[in-house]
Amino acid sequence: TVTLTNADDGRTVTVARGDTVTVKLTGIRDQG
């Protein structure tokens, strides 16, 4: 399993068939 987050924007990853790619993006609160 490869996990991608906010910091992985623009990144390229290589996986094999059958692998899992999980994406976890975090929301941002700022000044209302």
PDB file of all heavy atoms in Angstrom:
ATOM      1  N   THR A   1       0.850  -1.190   0.000  1.00  0.00           N
ATOM      2  CA  THR A   1       0.000   0.000   0.000  1.00  0.00           C
ATOM      3  C   THR A   1       0.880   1.232   0.000  1.00  0.00           C
ATOM      4  O   THR A   1       1.807   1.335   0.796  1.00  0.00           O
ATOM      5  CB  THR A   1      -0.924   0.018   1.239  1.00  0.00           C
ATOM      6  OG1 THR A   1      -1.761  -1.142   1.197  1.00  0.00           O
ATOM      7  CG2 THR A   1      -1.775   1.259   1.268  1.00  0.00           C
ATOM      8  N   VAL A   2       0.585   2.157  -0.914  1.00  0.00           N
ATOM      9  CA  VAL A   2       1.274   3.442  -0.984  1.00  0.00           C
ATOM     10  C   VAL A   2       0.253   4.497  -0.572  1.00  0.00           C
ATOM     11  O   VAL A   2      -0.858   4.528  -1.112  1.00  0.00           O
ATOM     12  CB  VAL A   2       1.789   3.722  -2.417  1.00  0.00           C
ATOM     13  CG1 VAL A   2       2.362   5.123  -2.519  1.00  0.00           C
ATOM     14  CG2 VAL A   2       2.809   2.684  -2.819  1.00  0.00           C
ATOM     15  N   THR A   3       0.620   5.351   0.380  1.00  0.00           N
ATOM     16  CA  THR A   3      -0.283   6.402   0.846  1.00  0.00           C
ATOM     17  C   THR A   3       0.217   7.757   0.378  1.00  0.00           C
ATOM     18  O   THR A   3       1.385   8.090   0.575  1.00  0.00           O
ATOM     19  CB  THR A   3      -0.394   6.374   2.386  1.00  0.00           C
ATOM     20  OG1 THR A   3      -0.872   5.077   2.783  1.00  0.00           O
ATOM     21  CG2 THR A   3      -1.350   7.440   2.885  1.00  0.00           C
ATOM     22  N   LEU A   4      -0.680   8.526  -0.231  1.00  0.00           N
ATOM     23  CA  LEU A   4      -0.374   9.868  -0.711  1.00  0.00           C
ATOM     24  C   LEU A   4      -1.150  10.888   0.120  1.00  0.00           C
ATOM     25  O   LEU A   4      -2.312  10.665   0.456  1.00  0.00           O
ATOM     26  CB  LEU A   4      -0.758  10.001  -2.192  1.00  0.00           C
ATOM     27  CG  LEU A   4      -0.077   9.010  -3.140  1.00  0.00           C
ATOM     28  CD1 LEU A   4      -0.697   9.096  -4.532  1.00  0.00           C
ATOM     29  CD2 LEU A   4       1.414   9.277  -3.196  1.00  0.00           C
ATOM     30  N   THR A   5      -0.494  12.017   0.432  1.00  0.00           N
ATOM     31  CA  THR A   5      -1.105  13.065   1.259  1.00  0.00           C
ATOM     32  C   THR A   5      -0.986  14.417   0.556  1.00  0.00           C
ATOM     33  O   THR A   5      -0.470  14.504  -0.562  1.00  0.00           O
ATOM     34  CB  THR A   5      -0.415  13.139   2.631  1.00  0.00           C
ATOM     35  OG1 THR A   5       0.935  13.572   2.431  1.00  0.00           O
ATOM     36  CG2 THR A   5      -0.432  11.803   3.358  1.00  0.00           C
ATOM     37  N   ASN A   6      -1.397  15.478   1.241  1.00  0.00           N
ATOM     38  CA  ASN A   6      -1.300  16.837   0.694  1.00  0.00           C
ATOM     39  C   ASN A   6       0.103  17.122   0.174  1.00  0.00           C
ATOM     40  O   ASN A   6       0.269  17.763  -0.862  1.00  0.00           O
ATOM     41  CB  ASN A   6      -1.636  17.881   1.771  1.00  0.00           C
ATOM     42  CG  ASN A   6      -3.061  17.809   2.247  1.00  0.00           C
ATOM     43  OD1 ASN A   6      -3.653  16.745   2.331  1.00  0.00           O
ATOM     44  ND2 ASN A   6      -3.631  18.952   2.580  1.00  0.00           N
ATOM     45  N   ALA A   7       1.117  16.672   0.873  1.00  0.00           N
ATOM     46  CA  ALA A   7       2.516  16.953   0.530  1.00  0.00           C
ATOM     47  C   ALA A   7       2.964  16.269  -0.757  1.00  0.00           C
ATOM     48  O   ALA A   7       4.014  16.614  -1.301  1.00  0.00           O
ATOM     49  CB  ALA A   7       3.425  16.535   1.679  1.00  0.00           C
ATOM     50  N   ASP A   8       2.189  15.316  -1.269  1.00  0.00           N
ATOM     51  CA  ASP A   8       2.591  14.565  -2.460  1.00  0.00           C
ATOM     52  C   ASP A   8       2.090  15.184  -3.766  1.00  0.00           C
ATOM     53  O   ASP A   8       2.190  14.561  -4.824  1.00  0.00           O
ATOM     54  CB  ASP A   8       2.121  13.111  -2.344  1.00  0.00           C
ATOM     55  CG  ASP A   8       2.829  12.396  -1.215  1.00  0.00           C
ATOM     56  OD1 ASP A   8       4.064  12.441  -1.186  1.00  0.00           O
ATOM     57  OD2 ASP A   8       2.141  11.808  -0.359  1.00  0.00           O
ATOM     58  N   ASP A   9       1.588  16.400  -3.717  1.00  0.00           N
ATOM     59  CA  ASP A   9       1.134  17.084  -4.929  1.00  0.00           C
ATOM     60  C   ASP A   9       2.293  17.168  -5.924  1.00  0.00           C
ATOM     61  O   ASP A   9       3.399  17.581  -5.576  1.00  0.00           O
ATOM     62  CB  ASP A   9       0.642  18.489  -4.583  1.00  0.00           C
ATOM     63  CG  ASP A   9       0.090  19.226  -5.787  1.00  0.00           C
ATOM     64  OD1 ASP A   9      -0.391  18.578  -6.731  1.00  0.00           O
ATOM     65  OD2 ASP A   9       0.144  20.472  -5.786  1.00  0.00           O
ATOM     66  N   GLY A  10       2.053  16.706  -7.153  1.00  0.00           N
ATOM     67  CA  GLY A  10       3.080  16.737  -8.187  1.00  0.00           C
ATOM     68  C   GLY A  10       3.999  15.533  -8.196  1.00  0.00           C
ATOM     69  O   GLY A  10       4.842  15.404  -9.076  1.00  0.00           O
ATOM     70  N   ARG A  11       3.855  14.640  -7.276  1.00  0.00           N
ATOM     71  CA  ARG A  11       4.740  13.478  -7.148  1.00  0.00           C
ATOM     72  C   ARG A  11       4.339  12.380  -8.141  1.00  0.00           C
ATOM     73  O   ARG A  11       3.177  12.248  -8.512  1.00  0.00           O
ATOM     74  CB  ARG A  11       4.651  12.945  -5.724  1.00  0.00           C
ATOM     75  CG  ARG A  11       5.550  11.777  -5.447  1.00  0.00           C
ATOM     76  CD  ARG A  11       5.524  11.410  -3.982  1.00  0.00           C
ATOM     77  NE  ARG A  11       6.296  10.190  -3.795  1.00  0.00           N
ATOM     78  CZ  ARG A  11       6.061   9.313  -2.853  1.00  0.00           C
ATOM     79  NH1 ARG A  11       5.110   9.506  -1.982  1.00  0.00           N
ATOM     80  NH2 ARG A  11       6.792   8.233  -2.749  1.00  0.00           N
ATOM     81  N   THR A  12       5.314  11.565  -8.550  1.00  0.00           N
ATOM     82  CA  THR A  12       5.067  10.371  -9.358  1.00  0.00           C
ATOM     83  C   THR A  12       5.499   9.163  -8.543  1.00  0.00           C
ATOM     84  O   THR A  12       6.605   9.146  -8.010  1.00  0.00           O
ATOM     85  CB  THR A  12       5.867  10.419 -10.679  1.00  0.00           C
ATOM     86  OG1 THR A  12       5.451  11.559 -11.428  1.00  0.00           O
ATOM     87  CG2 THR A  12       5.641   9.160 -11.499  1.00  0.00           C
ATOM     88  N   VAL A  13       4.616   8.178  -8.438  1.00  0.00           N
ATOM     89  CA  VAL A  13       4.938   6.946  -7.717  1.00  0.00           C
ATOM     90  C   VAL A  13       4.784   5.767  -8.669  1.00  0.00           C
ATOM     91  O   VAL A  13       3.981   5.813  -9.602  1.00  0.00           O
ATOM     92  CB  VAL A  13       4.054   6.735  -6.465  1.00  0.00           C
ATOM     93  CG1 VAL A  13       4.288   7.820  -5.434  1.00  0.00           C
ATOM     94  CG2 VAL A  13       2.588   6.662  -6.826  1.00  0.00           C
ATOM     95  N   THR A  14       5.553   4.730  -8.434  1.00  0.00           N
ATOM     96  CA  THR A  14       5.478   3.514  -9.240  1.00  0.00           C
ATOM     97  C   THR A  14       5.030   2.363  -8.345  1.00  0.00           C
ATOM     98  O   THR A  14       5.575   2.180  -7.253  1.00  0.00           O
ATOM     99  CB  THR A  14       6.852   3.193  -9.869  1.00  0.00           C
ATOM    100  OG1 THR A  14       7.250   4.308 -10.670  1.00  0.00           O
ATOM    101  CG2 THR A  14       6.785   1.955 -10.733  1.00  0.00           C
ATOM    102  N   VAL A  15       4.027   1.633  -8.823  1.00  0.00           N
ATOM    103  CA  VAL A  15       3.488   0.498  -8.073  1.00  0.00           C
ATOM    104  C   VAL A  15       3.353  -0.691  -9.021  1.00  0.00           C
ATOM    105  O   VAL A  15       3.482  -0.549 -10.233  1.00  0.00           O
ATOM    106  CB  VAL A  15       2.113   0.834  -7.433  1.00  0.00           C
ATOM    107  CG1 VAL A  15       2.235   1.979  -6.436  1.00  0.00           C
ATOM    108  CG2 VAL A  15       1.077   1.163  -8.495  1.00  0.00           C
ATOM    109  N   ALA A  16       3.073  -1.835  -8.459  1.00  0.00           N
ATOM    110  CA  ALA A  16       2.842  -3.049  -9.249  1.00  0.00           C
ATOM    111  C   ALA A  16       1.343  -3.329  -9.315  1.00  0.00           C
ATOM    112  O   ALA A  16       0.577  -2.868  -8.462  1.00  0.00           O
ATOM    113  CB  ALA A  16       3.568  -4.230  -8.620  1.00  0.00           C
ATOM    114  N   ARG A  17       0.951  -4.100 -10.324  1.00  0.00           N
ATOM    115  CA  ARG A  17      -0.461  -4.487 -10.395  1.00  0.00           C
ATOM    116  C   ARG A  17      -0.837  -5.217  -9.117  1.00  0.00           C
ATOM    117  O   ARG A  17      -0.073  -6.023  -8.606  1.00  0.00           O
ATOM    118  CB  ARG A  17      -0.718  -5.368 -11.603  1.00  0.00           C
ATOM    119  CG  ARG A  17      -0.789  -4.556 -12.878  1.00  0.00           C
ATOM    120  CD  ARG A  17      -1.231  -5.381 -14.040  1.00  0.00           C
ATOM    121  NE  ARG A  17      -0.235  -6.420 -14.293  1.00  0.00           N
ATOM    122  CZ  ARG A  17      -0.368  -7.372 -15.185  1.00  0.00           C
ATOM    123  NH1 ARG A  17      -1.439  -7.436 -15.927  1.00  0.00           N
ATOM    124  NH2 ARG A  17       0.573  -8.271 -15.358  1.00  0.00           N
ATOM    125  N   GLY A  18      -2.012  -4.897  -8.604  1.00  0.00           N
ATOM    126  CA  GLY A  18      -2.488  -5.506  -7.372  1.00  0.00           C
ATOM    127  C   GLY A  18      -2.205  -4.672  -6.138  1.00  0.00           C
ATOM    128  O   GLY A  18      -2.794  -4.897  -5.085  1.00  0.00           O
ATOM    129  N   ASP A  19      -1.287  -3.708  -6.244  1.00  0.00           N
ATOM    130  CA  ASP A  19      -0.995  -2.827  -5.105  1.00  0.00           C
ATOM    131  C   ASP A  19      -2.162  -1.874  -4.864  1.00  0.00           C
ATOM    132  O   ASP A  19      -3.018  -1.678  -5.725  1.00  0.00           O
ATOM    133  CB  ASP A  19       0.270  -2.011  -5.358  1.00  0.00           C
ATOM    134  CG  ASP A  19       1.547  -2.832  -5.241  1.00  0.00           C
ATOM    135  OD1 ASP A  19       1.478  -3.997  -4.786  1.00  0.00           O
ATOM    136  OD2 ASP A  19       2.613  -2.312  -5.609  1.00  0.00           O
ATOM    137  N   THR A  20      -2.169  -1.271  -3.692  1.00  0.00           N
ATOM    138  CA  THR A  20      -3.204  -0.316  -3.314  1.00  0.00           C
ATOM    139  C   THR A  20      -2.586   1.067  -3.181  1.00  0.00           C
ATOM    140  O   THR A  20      -1.508   1.216  -2.602  1.00  0.00           O
ATOM    141  CB  THR A  20      -3.841  -0.724  -1.963  1.00  0.00           C
ATOM    142  OG1 THR A  20      -4.409  -2.035  -2.118  1.00  0.00           O
ATOM    143  CG2 THR A  20      -4.904   0.248  -1.526  1.00  0.00           C
ATOM    144  N   VAL A  21      -3.279   2.054  -3.718  1.00  0.00           N
ATOM    145  CA  VAL A  21      -2.875   3.454  -3.566  1.00  0.00           C
ATOM    146  C   VAL A  21      -3.968   4.133  -2.755  1.00  0.00           C
ATOM    147  O   VAL A  21      -5.124   4.180  -3.171  1.00  0.00           O
ATOM    148  CB  VAL A  21      -2.697   4.158  -4.927  1.00  0.00           C
ATOM    149  CG1 VAL A  21      -2.355   5.623  -4.727  1.00  0.00           C
ATOM    150  CG2 VAL A  21      -1.631   3.451  -5.759  1.00  0.00           C
ATOM    151  N   THR A  22      -3.597   4.640  -1.582  1.00  0.00           N
ATOM    152  CA  THR A  22      -4.534   5.324  -0.710  1.00  0.00           C
ATOM    153  C   THR A  22      -4.213   6.814  -0.728  1.00  0.00           C
ATOM    154  O   THR A  22      -3.051   7.192  -0.599  1.00  0.00           O
ATOM    155  CB  THR A  22      -4.420   4.789   0.736  1.00  0.00           C
ATOM    156  OG1 THR A  22      -4.692   3.389   0.723  1.00  0.00           O
ATOM    157  CG2 THR A  22      -5.390   5.481   1.668  1.00  0.00           C
ATOM    158  N   VAL A  23      -5.233   7.636  -0.891  1.00  0.00           N
ATOM    159  CA  VAL A  23      -5.064   9.090  -0.878  1.00  0.00           C
ATOM    160  C   VAL A  23      -5.785   9.627   0.351  1.00  0.00           C
ATOM    161  O   VAL A  23      -6.960   9.326   0.565  1.00  0.00           O
ATOM    162  CB  VAL A  23      -5.639   9.735  -2.160  1.00  0.00           C
ATOM    163  CG1 VAL A  23      -5.494  11.246  -2.114  1.00  0.00           C
ATOM    164  CG2 VAL A  23      -4.966   9.158  -3.392  1.00  0.00           C
ATOM    165  N   LYS A  24      -5.051  10.406   1.170  1.00  0.00           N
ATOM    166  CA  LYS A  24      -5.624  11.019   2.372  1.00  0.00           C
ATOM    167  C   LYS A  24      -5.274  12.507   2.356  1.00  0.00           C
ATOM    168  O   LYS A  24      -4.133  12.879   2.635  1.00  0.00           O
ATOM    169  CB  LYS A  24      -5.067  10.365   3.638  1.00  0.00           C
ATOM    170  CG  LYS A  24      -5.483   8.927   3.808  1.00  0.00           C
ATOM    171  CD  LYS A  24      -4.916   8.350   5.085  1.00  0.00           C
ATOM    172  CE  LYS A  24      -5.347   6.901   5.239  1.00  0.00           C
ATOM    173  NZ  LYS A  24      -4.821   6.312   6.466  1.00  0.00           N
ATOM    174  N   LEU A  25      -6.251  13.334   2.007  1.00  0.00           N
ATOM    175  CA  LEU A  25      -6.038  14.776   1.933  1.00  0.00           C
ATOM    176  C   LEU A  25      -6.711  15.447   3.123  1.00  0.00           C
ATOM    177  O   LEU A  25      -7.841  15.117   3.481  1.00  0.00           O
ATOM    178  CB  LEU A  25      -6.596  15.324   0.616  1.00  0.00           C
ATOM    179  CG  LEU A  25      -5.977  14.701  -0.641  1.00  0.00           C
ATOM    180  CD1 LEU A  25      -6.703  15.185  -1.891  1.00  0.00           C
ATOM    181  CD2 LEU A  25      -4.498  15.014  -0.714  1.00  0.00           C
ATOM    182  N   THR A  26      -6.005  16.394   3.723  1.00  0.00           N
ATOM    183  CA  THR A  26      -6.480  17.070   4.923  1.00  0.00           C
ATOM    184  C   THR A  26      -6.992  18.453   4.571  1.00  0.00           C
ATOM    185  O   THR A  26      -6.314  19.218   3.875  1.00  0.00           O
ATOM    186  CB  THR A  26      -5.320  17.207   5.937  1.00  0.00           C
ATOM    187  OG1 THR A  26      -4.782  15.907   6.174  1.00  0.00           O
ATOM    188  CG2 THR A  26      -5.793  17.810   7.239  1.00  0.00           C
ATOM    189  N   GLY A  27      -8.183  18.790   5.059  1.00  0.00           N
ATOM    190  CA  GLY A  27      -8.745  20.121   4.868  1.00  0.00           C
ATOM    191  C   GLY A  27      -7.995  21.140   5.713  1.00  0.00           C
ATOM    192  O   GLY A  27      -7.299  20.800   6.672  1.00  0.00           O
ATOM    193  N   ILE A  28      -8.143  22.406   5.353  1.00  0.00           N
ATOM    194  CA  ILE A  28      -7.433  23.480   6.051  1.00  0.00           C
ATOM    195  C   ILE A  28      -8.447  24.529   6.509  1.00  0.00           C
ATOM    196  O   ILE A  28      -9.298  24.957   5.726  1.00  0.00           O
ATOM    197  CB  ILE A  28      -6.383  24.128   5.116  1.00  0.00           C
ATOM    198  CG1 ILE A  28      -5.376  23.079   4.658  1.00  0.00           C
ATOM    199  CG2 ILE A  28      -5.702  25.303   5.795  1.00  0.00           C
ATOM    200  CD1 ILE A  28      -4.486  23.541   3.526  1.00  0.00           C
ATOM    201  N   ARG A  29      -8.316  24.967   7.754  1.00  0.00           N
ATOM    202  CA  ARG A  29      -9.124  26.080   8.279  1.00  0.00           C
ATOM    203  C   ARG A  29      -8.200  27.266   8.488  1.00  0.00           C
ATOM    204  O   ARG A  29      -7.122  27.127   9.055  1.00  0.00           O
ATOM    205  CB  ARG A  29      -9.761  25.714   9.618  1.00  0.00           C
ATOM    206  CG  ARG A  29     -10.899  24.761   9.491  1.00  0.00           C
ATOM    207  CD  ARG A  29     -11.665  24.724  10.815  1.00  0.00           C
ATOM    208  NE  ARG A  29     -12.774  23.829  10.713  1.00  0.00           N
ATOM    209  CZ  ARG A  29     -13.981  24.170  10.259  1.00  0.00           C
ATOM    210  NH1 ARG A  29     -14.214  25.392   9.878  1.00  0.00           N
ATOM    211  NH2 ARG A  29     -14.952  23.283  10.207  1.00  0.00           N
ATOM    212  N   ASP A  30      -8.656  28.426   8.007  1.00  0.00           N
ATOM    213  CA  ASP A  30      -7.810  29.616   8.131  1.00  0.00           C
ATOM    214  C   ASP A  30      -8.676  30.869   8.098  1.00  0.00           C
ATOM    215  O   ASP A  30      -9.354  31.123   7.100  1.00  0.00           O
ATOM    216  CB  ASP A  30      -6.783  29.642   6.991  1.00  0.00           C
ATOM    217  CG  ASP A  30      -5.776  30.771   7.125  1.00  0.00           C
ATOM    218  OD1 ASP A  30      -5.423  31.128   8.261  1.00  0.00           O
ATOM    219  OD2 ASP A  30      -5.352  31.288   6.076  1.00  0.00           O
ATOM    220  N   GLN A  31      -8.683  31.644   9.142  1.00  0.00           N
ATOM    221  CA  GLN A  31      -9.339  32.946   9.236  1.00  0.00           C
ATOM    222  C   GLN A  31     -10.785  32.943   8.741  1.00  0.00           C
ATOM    223  O   GLN A  31     -11.171  33.717   7.871  1.00  0.00           O
ATOM    224  CB  GLN A  31      -8.523  33.996   8.488  1.00  0.00           C
ATOM    225  CG  GLN A  31      -7.125  34.145   9.046  1.00  0.00           C
ATOM    226  CD  GLN A  31      -6.289  35.126   8.247  1.00  0.00           C
ATOM    227  OE1 GLN A  31      -6.760  35.787   7.337  1.00  0.00           O
ATOM    228  NE2 GLN A  31      -5.024  35.238   8.620  1.00  0.00           N
ATOM    229  N   GLY A  32     -11.576  32.054   9.285  1.00  0.00           N
ATOM    230  CA  GLY A  32     -13.001  32.030   8.972  1.00  0.00           C
ATOM    231  C   GLY A  32     -13.384  31.293   7.702  1.00  0.00           C
ATOM    232  O   GLY A  32     -14.547  31.307   7.326  1.00  0.00           O
TER     233      GLY A  32
END
